[in-house]
Amino acid sequence: MTEFHPGYLLNALLFAALGILIFIGAFAIVDKLTPYALWKEIVEDHNVALAIMVGAMSIGMCIIIAAAVH
């Protein structure tokens, strides 16, 4: 069993923050590329199909980002 090194925790936090920042940037780009406001369509107009599509897209982006950061 190996000892705990604070550097491991720092690396995990750094890569987690990097992944979250990349995801926020990618989601902002996708939001700008769509011809309508995603948040308005999902929250105000209750567009369930769009919410499912955005959720699936978000999971896909997260998988790609996690593979790239890893």
C-alpha atoms as a PDB file:
ATOM      1  CA  MET A   1       0.000   0.000   0.000  1.00  0.00           C
ATOM      2  CA  THR A   2       1.388   3.377  -0.941  1.00  0.00           C
ATOM      3  CA  GLU A   3       1.416   6.447   1.222  1.00  0.00           C
ATOM      4  CA  PHE A   4      -0.832   9.412   0.640  1.00  0.00           C
ATOM      5  CA  HIS A   5       0.883  12.243  -1.197  1.00  0.00           C
ATOM      6  CA  PRO A   6      -0.706  15.736  -1.214  1.00  0.00           C
ATOM      7  CA  GLY A   7       0.435  16.098  -4.818  1.00  0.00           C
ATOM      8  CA  TYR A   8      -2.088  13.446  -5.884  1.00  0.00           C
ATOM      9  CA  LEU A   9      -4.935  15.453  -4.407  1.00  0.00           C
ATOM     10  CA  LEU A  10      -3.628  18.642  -6.010  1.00  0.00           C
ATOM     11  CA  ASN A  11      -3.410  16.911  -9.406  1.00  0.00           C
ATOM     12  CA  ALA A  12      -6.957  15.583  -9.084  1.00  0.00           C
ATOM     13  CA  LEU A  13      -8.309  19.029  -8.183  1.00  0.00           C
ATOM     14  CA  LEU A  14      -6.350  20.693 -10.980  1.00  0.00           C
ATOM     15  CA  PHE A  15      -7.562  18.262 -13.652  1.00  0.00           C
ATOM     16  CA  ALA A  16     -11.145  18.417 -12.340  1.00  0.00           C
ATOM     17  CA  ALA A  17     -11.101  22.223 -12.520  1.00  0.00           C
ATOM     18  CA  LEU A  18      -9.551  22.088 -15.989  1.00  0.00           C
ATOM     19  CA  GLY A  19     -12.234  19.670 -17.206  1.00  0.00           C
ATOM     20  CA  ILE A  20     -15.025  21.827 -15.787  1.00  0.00           C
ATOM     21  CA  LEU A  21     -13.607  24.972 -17.398  1.00  0.00           C
ATOM     22  CA  ILE A  22     -13.270  23.246 -20.763  1.00  0.00           C
ATOM     23  CA  PHE A  23     -16.852  21.953 -20.485  1.00  0.00           C
ATOM     24  CA  ILE A  24     -18.197  25.424 -19.676  1.00  0.00           C
ATOM     25  CA  GLY A  25     -16.359  26.856 -22.665  1.00  0.00           C
ATOM     26  CA  ALA A  26     -17.578  24.102 -24.995  1.00  0.00           C
ATOM     27  CA  PHE A  27     -21.158  24.478 -23.776  1.00  0.00           C
ATOM     28  CA  ALA A  28     -21.016  28.257 -24.283  1.00  0.00           C
ATOM     29  CA  ILE A  29     -19.823  27.713 -27.859  1.00  0.00           C
ATOM     30  CA  VAL A  30     -22.647  25.249 -28.547  1.00  0.00           C
ATOM     31  CA  ASP A  31     -25.148  27.676 -27.018  1.00  0.00           C
ATOM     32  CA  LYS A  32     -23.916  30.463 -29.308  1.00  0.00           C
ATOM     33  CA  LEU A  33     -24.071  28.212 -32.388  1.00  0.00           C
ATOM     34  CA  THR A  34     -27.728  27.298 -31.894  1.00  0.00           C
ATOM     35  CA  PRO A  35     -30.268  29.615 -33.540  1.00  0.00           C
ATOM     36  CA  TYR A  36     -32.288  30.004 -30.310  1.00  0.00           C
ATOM     37  CA  ALA A  37     -31.609  30.473 -26.606  1.00  0.00           C
ATOM     38  CA  LEU A  38     -31.230  27.029 -25.037  1.00  0.00           C
ATOM     39  CA  TRP A  39     -32.018  28.180 -21.494  1.00  0.00           C
ATOM     40  CA  LYS A  40     -35.215  29.993 -22.555  1.00  0.00           C
ATOM     41  CA  GLU A  41     -36.419  27.035 -24.589  1.00  0.00           C
ATOM     42  CA  ILE A  42     -35.808  24.534 -21.780  1.00  0.00           C
ATOM     43  CA  VAL A  43     -36.883  26.532 -18.719  1.00  0.00           C
ATOM     44  CA  GLU A  44     -39.539  28.930 -19.939  1.00  0.00           C
ATOM     45  CA  ASP A  45     -41.042  26.981 -22.852  1.00  0.00           C
ATOM     46  CA  HIS A  46     -40.610  23.538 -21.182  1.00  0.00           C
ATOM     47  CA  ASN A  47     -39.091  21.917 -24.266  1.00  0.00           C
ATOM     48  CA  VAL A  48     -38.423  18.407 -22.926  1.00  0.00           C
ATOM     49  CA  ALA A  49     -36.982  17.078 -26.187  1.00  0.00           C
ATOM     50  CA  LEU A  50     -34.400  19.862 -26.258  1.00  0.00           C
ATOM     51  CA  ALA A  51     -33.546  19.242 -22.595  1.00  0.00           C
ATOM     52  CA  ILE A  52     -32.894  15.563 -23.319  1.00  0.00           C
ATOM     53  CA  MET A  53     -30.781  16.462 -26.358  1.00  0.00           C
ATOM     54  CA  VAL A  54     -28.725  19.013 -24.396  1.00  0.00           C
ATOM     55  CA  GLY A  55     -28.254  16.507 -21.568  1.00  0.00           C
ATOM     56  CA  ALA A  56     -27.020  13.828 -23.962  1.00  0.00           C
ATOM     57  CA  MET A  57     -24.751  16.346 -25.665  1.00  0.00           C
ATOM     58  CA  SER A  58     -23.352  17.398 -22.293  1.00  0.00           C
ATOM     59  CA  ILE A  59     -22.589  13.802 -21.314  1.00  0.00           C
ATOM     60  CA  GLY A  60     -20.873  13.267 -24.670  1.00  0.00           C
ATOM     61  CA  MET A  61     -18.755  16.385 -24.258  1.00  0.00           C
ATOM     62  CA  CYS A  62     -17.825  15.340 -20.717  1.00  0.00           C
ATOM     63  CA  ILE A  63     -16.692  11.898 -21.885  1.00  0.00           C
ATOM     64  CA  ILE A  64     -14.526  13.455 -24.602  1.00  0.00           C
ATOM     65  CA  ILE A  65     -13.044  16.011 -22.188  1.00  0.00           C
ATOM     66  CA  ALA A  66     -12.347  13.336 -19.557  1.00  0.00           C
ATOM     67  CA  ALA A  67     -10.530  11.220 -22.137  1.00  0.00           C
ATOM     68  CA  ALA A  68      -8.499  14.207 -23.319  1.00  0.00           C
ATOM     69  CA  VAL A  69      -7.554  15.311 -19.791  1.00  0.00           C
ATOM     70  CA  HIS A  70      -6.715  11.777 -18.698  1.00  0.00           C
END
